[in-house]
């Protein structure tokens, strides 16, 4: 699959943010599952495309959350 096609296909992501997020904050990400890993929260799930990923990242920024890592999973 070429790079352009990957940008427009659903992909599994894992997004790590600093701290433990409460239920109210987690409700901003209904399409993602969450779990705690050490002192961080990991959000994971399938996002429709790269635009959806950017939407999640923008929401993290709007909420003032510290992004630690973004991983695309196989």
PDB file of N, CA and C in Angstrom:
ATOM      1  N   UNK A   1       0.854  -1.173   0.000  1.00  0.00           N
ATOM      2  CA  UNK A   1       0.000   0.000   0.000  1.00  0.00           C
ATOM      3  C   UNK A   1       0.896   1.230   0.000  1.00  0.00           C
ATOM      4  N   UNK A   2       0.636   2.156  -0.893  1.00  0.00           N
ATOM      5  CA  UNK A   2       1.492   3.336  -0.947  1.00  0.00           C
ATOM      6  C   UNK A   2       1.132   4.325   0.162  1.00  0.00           C
ATOM      7  N   UNK A   3       2.009   5.316   0.380  1.00  0.00           N
ATOM      8  CA  UNK A   3       1.850   6.259   1.493  1.00  0.00           C
ATOM      9  C   UNK A   3       0.551   7.041   1.394  1.00  0.00           C
ATOM     10  N   UNK A   4       0.175   7.475   0.189  1.00  0.00           N
ATOM     11  CA  UNK A   4      -1.051   8.262   0.046  1.00  0.00           C
ATOM     12  C   UNK A   4      -2.273   7.437   0.430  1.00  0.00           C
ATOM     13  N   UNK A   5      -2.300   6.189   0.040  1.00  0.00           N
ATOM     14  CA  UNK A   5      -3.435   5.324   0.365  1.00  0.00           C
ATOM     15  C   UNK A   5      -3.528   5.088   1.871  1.00  0.00           C
ATOM     16  N   UNK A   6      -2.373   4.912   2.559  1.00  0.00           N
ATOM     17  CA  UNK A   6      -2.369   4.720   4.014  1.00  0.00           C
ATOM     18  C   UNK A   6      -2.967   5.919   4.733  1.00  0.00           C
ATOM     19  N   UNK A   7      -2.748   7.136   4.234  1.00  0.00           N
ATOM     20  CA  UNK A   7      -3.266   8.337   4.887  1.00  0.00           C
ATOM     21  C   UNK A   7      -4.786   8.366   4.891  1.00  0.00           C
ATOM     22  N   UNK A   8      -5.421   7.657   3.956  1.00  0.00           N
ATOM     23  CA  UNK A   8      -6.876   7.704   3.815  1.00  0.00           C
ATOM     24  C   UNK A   8      -7.548   6.400   4.218  1.00  0.00           C
ATOM     25  N   UNK A   9      -6.817   5.503   4.845  1.00  0.00           N
ATOM     26  CA  UNK A   9      -7.366   4.225   5.272  1.00  0.00           C
ATOM     27  C   UNK A   9      -7.408   4.165   6.797  1.00  0.00           C
ATOM     28  N   UNK A  10      -8.381   3.446   7.364  1.00  0.00           N
ATOM     29  CA  UNK A  10      -8.411   3.300   8.821  1.00  0.00           C
ATOM     30  C   UNK A  10      -7.116   2.678   9.334  1.00  0.00           C
ATOM     31  N   UNK A  11      -6.645   3.199  10.443  1.00  0.00           N
ATOM     32  CA  UNK A  11      -5.404   2.730  11.056  1.00  0.00           C
ATOM     33  C   UNK A  11      -5.597   2.625  12.568  1.00  0.00           C
ATOM     34  N   UNK A  12      -4.896   1.692  13.168  1.00  0.00           N
ATOM     35  CA  UNK A  12      -4.900   1.521  14.617  1.00  0.00           C
ATOM     36  C   UNK A  12      -3.810   2.422  15.203  1.00  0.00           C
ATOM     37  N   UNK A  13      -4.167   3.219  16.212  1.00  0.00           N
ATOM     38  CA  UNK A  13      -3.207   4.123  16.847  1.00  0.00           C
ATOM     39  C   UNK A  13      -3.195   3.921  18.351  1.00  0.00           C
ATOM     40  N   UNK A  14      -2.068   4.267  18.934  1.00  0.00           N
ATOM     41  CA  UNK A  14      -1.897   4.312  20.380  1.00  0.00           C
ATOM     42  C   UNK A  14      -1.312   5.682  20.694  1.00  0.00           C
ATOM     43  N   UNK A  15      -2.004   6.427  21.544  1.00  0.00           N
ATOM     44  CA  UNK A  15      -1.613   7.808  21.862  1.00  0.00           C
ATOM     45  C   UNK A  15      -1.423   7.903  23.373  1.00  0.00           C
ATOM     46  N   UNK A  16      -0.221   8.256  23.782  1.00  0.00           N
ATOM     47  CA  UNK A  16       0.088   8.348  25.213  1.00  0.00           C
ATOM     48  C   UNK A  16       0.126   9.804  25.642  1.00  0.00           C
ATOM     49  N   UNK A  17      -0.579  10.104  26.735  1.00  0.00           N
ATOM     50  CA  UNK A  17      -0.575  11.457  27.292  1.00  0.00           C
ATOM     51  C   UNK A  17      -0.137  11.392  28.753  1.00  0.00           C
ATOM     52  N   UNK A  18       0.441  12.484  29.225  1.00  0.00           N
ATOM     53  CA  UNK A  18       0.961  12.571  30.585  1.00  0.00           C
ATOM     54  C   UNK A  18      -0.205  12.645  31.579  1.00  0.00           C
ATOM     55  N   UNK A  19      -0.132  11.848  32.621  1.00  0.00           N
ATOM     56  CA  UNK A  19      -1.105  11.911  33.704  1.00  0.00           C
ATOM     57  C   UNK A  19      -2.247  10.922  33.539  1.00  0.00           C
ATOM     58  N   UNK A  20      -3.036  10.815  34.595  1.00  0.00           N
ATOM     59  CA  UNK A  20      -4.215   9.961  34.584  1.00  0.00           C
ATOM     60  C   UNK A  20      -5.424  10.837  34.262  1.00  0.00           C
ATOM     61  N   UNK A  21      -6.106  10.512  33.190  1.00  0.00           N
ATOM     62  CA  UNK A  21      -7.259  11.303  32.761  1.00  0.00           C
ATOM     63  C   UNK A  21      -8.530  10.816  33.451  1.00  0.00           C
ATOM     64  N   UNK A  22      -9.363  11.766  33.846  1.00  0.00           N
ATOM     65  CA  UNK A  22     -10.634  11.427  34.467  1.00  0.00           C
ATOM     66  C   UNK A  22     -11.700  11.125  33.422  1.00  0.00           C
ATOM     67  N   UNK A  23     -12.841  10.659  33.892  1.00  0.00           N
ATOM     68  CA  UNK A  23     -13.934  10.283  32.988  1.00  0.00           C
ATOM     69  C   UNK A  23     -14.428  11.454  32.139  1.00  0.00           C
ATOM     70  N   UNK A  24     -14.470  12.642  32.709  1.00  0.00           N
ATOM     71  CA  UNK A  24     -14.935  13.810  31.952  1.00  0.00           C
ATOM     72  C   UNK A  24     -14.011  14.092  30.782  1.00  0.00           C
ATOM     73  N   UNK A  25     -12.716  14.078  31.028  1.00  0.00           N
ATOM     74  CA  UNK A  25     -11.754  14.311  29.948  1.00  0.00           C
ATOM     75  C   UNK A  25     -11.803  13.192  28.931  1.00  0.00           C
ATOM     76  N   UNK A  26     -11.895  11.951  29.393  1.00  0.00           N
ATOM     77  CA  UNK A  26     -11.944  10.818  28.478  1.00  0.00           C
ATOM     78  C   UNK A  26     -13.179  10.847  27.591  1.00  0.00           C
ATOM     79  N   UNK A  27     -14.248  11.484  28.054  1.00  0.00           N
ATOM     80  CA  UNK A  27     -15.469  11.554  27.244  1.00  0.00           C
ATOM     81  C   UNK A  27     -15.261  12.373  25.970  1.00  0.00           C
ATOM     82  N   UNK A  28     -14.170  13.138  25.891  1.00  0.00           N
ATOM     83  CA  UNK A  28     -13.851  13.891  24.671  1.00  0.00           C
ATOM     84  C   UNK A  28     -13.337  12.979  23.564  1.00  0.00           C
ATOM     85  N   UNK A  29     -13.075  11.706  23.908  1.00  0.00           N
ATOM     86  CA  UNK A  29     -12.511  10.752  22.948  1.00  0.00           C
ATOM     87  C   UNK A  29     -13.351   9.470  22.913  1.00  0.00           C
ATOM     88  N   UNK A  30     -14.614   9.573  22.506  1.00  0.00           N
ATOM     89  CA  UNK A  30     -15.512   8.409  22.586  1.00  0.00           C
ATOM     90  C   UNK A  30     -15.107   7.239  21.691  1.00  0.00           C
ATOM     91  N   UNK A  31     -14.356   7.491  20.639  1.00  0.00           N
ATOM     92  CA  UNK A  31     -13.975   6.420  19.715  1.00  0.00           C
ATOM     93  C   UNK A  31     -12.739   5.655  20.195  1.00  0.00           C
ATOM     94  N   UNK A  32     -12.136   6.109  21.299  1.00  0.00           N
ATOM     95  CA  UNK A  32     -10.886   5.501  21.756  1.00  0.00           C
ATOM     96  C   UNK A  32     -11.067   4.840  23.115  1.00  0.00           C
ATOM     97  N   UNK A  33     -10.377   3.721  23.305  1.00  0.00           N
ATOM     98  CA  UNK A  33     -10.322   3.070  24.607  1.00  0.00           C
ATOM     99  C   UNK A  33      -9.181   3.688  25.394  1.00  0.00           C
ATOM    100  N   UNK A  34      -9.237   3.571  26.704  1.00  0.00           N
ATOM    101  CA  UNK A  34      -8.156   4.135  27.515  1.00  0.00           C
ATOM    102  C   UNK A  34      -7.725   3.146  28.581  1.00  0.00           C
ATOM    103  N   UNK A  35      -6.463   3.240  28.943  1.00  0.00           N
ATOM    104  CA  UNK A  35      -5.951   2.513  30.090  1.00  0.00           C
ATOM    105  C   UNK A  35      -4.733   3.256  30.627  1.00  0.00           C
ATOM    106  N   UNK A  36      -4.455   3.014  31.886  1.00  0.00           N
ATOM    107  CA  UNK A  36      -3.308   3.652  32.522  1.00  0.00           C
ATOM    108  C   UNK A  36      -2.074   2.803  32.313  1.00  0.00           C
ATOM    109  N   UNK A  37      -0.975   3.481  32.054  1.00  0.00           N
ATOM    110  CA  UNK A  37       0.322   2.811  31.937  1.00  0.00           C
ATOM    111  C   UNK A  37       1.303   3.653  32.730  1.00  0.00           C
ATOM    112  N   UNK A  38       1.666   3.161  33.902  1.00  0.00           N
ATOM    113  CA  UNK A  38       2.533   3.948  34.782  1.00  0.00           C
ATOM    114  C   UNK A  38       1.820   5.225  35.185  1.00  0.00           C
ATOM    115  N   UNK A  39       2.457   6.345  34.958  1.00  0.00           N
ATOM    116  CA  UNK A  39       1.876   7.653  35.305  1.00  0.00           C
ATOM    117  C   UNK A  39       1.110   8.278  34.147  1.00  0.00           C
ATOM    118  N   UNK A  40       0.982   7.566  33.043  1.00  0.00           N
ATOM    119  CA  UNK A  40       0.369   8.108  31.837  1.00  0.00           C
ATOM    120  C   UNK A  40      -0.959   7.416  31.529  1.00  0.00           C
ATOM    121  N   UNK A  41      -1.695   7.994  30.585  1.00  0.00           N
ATOM    122  CA  UNK A  41      -2.903   7.383  30.044  1.00  0.00           C
ATOM    123  C   UNK A  41      -2.650   7.091  28.581  1.00  0.00           C
ATOM    124  N   UNK A  42      -3.033   5.897  28.149  1.00  0.00           N
ATOM    125  CA  UNK A  42      -2.890   5.507  26.752  1.00  0.00           C
ATOM    126  C   UNK A  42      -4.275   5.402  26.134  1.00  0.00           C
ATOM    127  N   UNK A  43      -4.472   6.147  25.061  1.00  0.00           N
ATOM    128  CA  UNK A  43      -5.705   6.088  24.276  1.00  0.00           C
ATOM    129  C   UNK A  43      -5.408   5.240  23.055  1.00  0.00           C
ATOM    130  N   UNK A  44      -6.277   4.292  22.737  1.00  0.00           N
ATOM    131  CA  UNK A  44      -6.021   3.449  21.575  1.00  0.00           C
ATOM    132  C   UNK A  44      -7.313   3.136  20.843  1.00  0.00           C
ATOM    133  N   UNK A  45      -7.166   2.918  19.541  1.00  0.00           N
ATOM    134  CA  UNK A  45      -8.309   2.555  18.728  1.00  0.00           C
ATOM    135  C   UNK A  45      -8.040   2.819  17.266  1.00  0.00           C
ATOM    136  N   UNK A  46      -9.031   2.505  16.464  1.00  0.00           N
ATOM    137  CA  UNK A  46      -8.941   2.702  15.021  1.00  0.00           C
ATOM    138  C   UNK A  46      -9.478   4.086  14.687  1.00  0.00           C
ATOM    139  N   UNK A  47      -8.693   4.836  13.940  1.00  0.00           N
ATOM    140  CA  UNK A  47      -9.112   6.149  13.454  1.00  0.00           C
ATOM    141  C   UNK A  47      -9.291   6.055  11.947  1.00  0.00           C
ATOM    142  N   UNK A  48     -10.303   6.727  11.428  1.00  0.00           N
ATOM    143  CA  UNK A  48     -10.707   6.587  10.028  1.00  0.00           C
ATOM    144  C   UNK A  48      -9.613   6.957   9.044  1.00  0.00           C
ATOM    145  N   UNK A  49      -8.841   7.992   9.378  1.00  0.00           N
ATOM    146  CA  UNK A  49      -7.796   8.448   8.466  1.00  0.00           C
ATOM    147  C   UNK A  49      -6.890   9.416   9.203  1.00  0.00           C
ATOM    148  N   UNK A  50      -5.940   9.993   8.486  1.00  0.00           N
ATOM    149  CA  UNK A  50      -4.985  10.898   9.117  1.00  0.00           C
ATOM    150  C   UNK A  50      -5.678  12.161   9.640  1.00  0.00           C
ATOM    151  N   UNK A  51      -6.733  12.601   8.961  1.00  0.00           N
ATOM    152  CA  UNK A  51      -7.476  13.769   9.431  1.00  0.00           C
ATOM    153  C   UNK A  51      -8.097  13.496  10.804  1.00  0.00           C
ATOM    154  N   UNK A  52      -8.577  12.278  11.021  1.00  0.00           N
ATOM    155  CA  UNK A  52      -9.143  11.921  12.322  1.00  0.00           C
ATOM    156  C   UNK A  52      -8.060  11.942  13.398  1.00  0.00           C
ATOM    157  N   UNK A  53      -6.868  11.479  13.054  1.00  0.00           N
ATOM    158  CA  UNK A  53      -5.745  11.543  13.993  1.00  0.00           C
ATOM    159  C   UNK A  53      -5.445  12.989  14.361  1.00  0.00           C
ATOM    160  N   UNK A  54      -5.379  13.861  13.362  1.00  0.00           N
ATOM    161  CA  UNK A  54      -5.117  15.271  13.641  1.00  0.00           C
ATOM    162  C   UNK A  54      -6.220  15.880  14.506  1.00  0.00           C
ATOM    163  N   UNK A  55      -7.446  15.424  14.329  1.00  0.00           N
ATOM    164  CA  UNK A  55      -8.548  15.898  15.169  1.00  0.00           C
ATOM    165  C   UNK A  55      -8.347  15.520  16.622  1.00  0.00           C
ATOM    166  N   UNK A  56      -7.920  14.294  16.870  1.00  0.00           N
ATOM    167  CA  UNK A  56      -7.645  13.848  18.239  1.00  0.00           C
ATOM    168  C   UNK A  56      -6.495  14.658  18.827  1.00  0.00           C
ATOM    169  N   UNK A  57      -5.450  14.862  18.048  1.00  0.00           N
ATOM    170  CA  UNK A  57      -4.299  15.633  18.540  1.00  0.00           C
ATOM    171  C   UNK A  57      -4.701  17.074  18.844  1.00  0.00           C
ATOM    172  N   UNK A  58      -5.561  17.658  18.025  1.00  0.00           N
ATOM    173  CA  UNK A  58      -6.040  19.030  18.270  1.00  0.00           C
ATOM    174  C   UNK A  58      -6.862  19.084  19.554  1.00  0.00           C
ATOM    175  N   UNK A  59      -7.675  18.066  19.798  1.00  0.00           N
ATOM    176  CA  UNK A  59      -8.475  18.021  21.027  1.00  0.00           C
ATOM    177  C   UNK A  59      -7.571  17.886  22.253  1.00  0.00           C
ATOM    178  N   UNK A  60      -6.525  17.075  22.154  1.00  0.00           N
ATOM    179  CA  UNK A  60      -5.567  16.967  23.252  1.00  0.00           C
ATOM    180  C   UNK A  60      -4.958  18.329  23.574  1.00  0.00           C
ATOM    181  N   UNK A  61      -4.571  19.043  22.517  1.00  0.00           N
ATOM    182  CA  UNK A  61      -3.975  20.370  22.707  1.00  0.00           C
ATOM    183  C   UNK A  61      -4.983  21.339  23.320  1.00  0.00           C
ATOM    184  N   UNK A  62      -6.216  21.309  22.824  1.00  0.00           N
ATOM    185  CA  UNK A  62      -7.252  22.215  23.346  1.00  0.00           C
ATOM    186  C   UNK A  62      -7.527  21.965  24.826  1.00  0.00           C
ATOM    187  N   UNK A  63      -7.380  20.725  25.256  1.00  0.00           N
ATOM    188  CA  UNK A  63      -7.598  20.380  26.661  1.00  0.00           C
ATOM    189  C   UNK A  63      -6.359  20.627  27.518  1.00  0.00           C
ATOM    190  N   UNK A  64      -5.268  21.043  26.890  1.00  0.00           N
ATOM    191  CA  UNK A  64      -4.043  21.333  27.626  1.00  0.00           C
ATOM    192  C   UNK A  64      -3.306  20.098  28.096  1.00  0.00           C
ATOM    193  N   UNK A  65      -3.508  18.979  27.390  1.00  0.00           N
ATOM    194  CA  UNK A  65      -2.851  17.732  27.779  1.00  0.00           C
ATOM    195  C   UNK A  65      -1.476  17.630  27.136  1.00  0.00           C
ATOM    196  N   UNK A  66      -0.551  17.008  27.847  1.00  0.00           N
ATOM    197  CA  UNK A  66       0.807  16.843  27.334  1.00  0.00           C
ATOM    198  C   UNK A  66       0.915  15.538  26.554  1.00  0.00           C
ATOM    199  N   UNK A  67       1.186  15.642  25.270  1.00  0.00           N
ATOM    200  CA  UNK A  67       1.367  14.484  24.407  1.00  0.00           C
ATOM    201  C   UNK A  67       2.747  13.896  24.651  1.00  0.00           C
ATOM    202  N   UNK A  68       2.799  12.592  24.899  1.00  0.00           N
ATOM    203  CA  UNK A  68       4.065  11.916  25.146  1.00  0.00           C
ATOM    204  C   UNK A  68       4.500  11.130  23.906  1.00  0.00           C
ATOM    205  N   UNK A  69       3.539  10.427  23.276  1.00  0.00           N
ATOM    206  CA  UNK A  69       3.910   9.556  22.159  1.00  0.00           C
ATOM    207  C   UNK A  69       2.677   9.237  21.322  1.00  0.00           C
ATOM    208  N   UNK A  70       2.899   9.112  20.010  1.00  0.00           N
ATOM    209  CA  UNK A  70       1.872   8.627  19.082  1.00  0.00           C
ATOM    210  C   UNK A  70       2.498   7.478  18.315  1.00  0.00           C
ATOM    211  N   UNK A  71       1.797   6.342  18.286  1.00  0.00           N
ATOM    212  CA  UNK A  71       2.293   5.176  17.543  1.00  0.00           C
ATOM    213  C   UNK A  71       1.192   4.642  16.646  1.00  0.00           C
ATOM    214  N   UNK A  72       1.550   4.352  15.406  1.00  0.00           N
ATOM    215  CA  UNK A  72       0.627   3.650  14.502  1.00  0.00           C
ATOM    216  C   UNK A  72       0.946   2.168  14.659  1.00  0.00           C
ATOM    217  N   UNK A  73      -0.059   1.388  14.951  1.00  0.00           N
ATOM    218  CA  UNK A  73       0.133  -0.029  15.178  1.00  0.00           C
ATOM    219  C   UNK A  73      -0.158  -0.815  13.898  1.00  0.00           C
ATOM    220  N   UNK A  74       0.457  -1.988  13.770  1.00  0.00           N
ATOM    221  CA  UNK A  74       0.209  -2.798  12.569  1.00  0.00           C
ATOM    222  C   UNK A  74      -1.202  -3.384  12.570  1.00  0.00           C
TER     223      UNK A  74
END
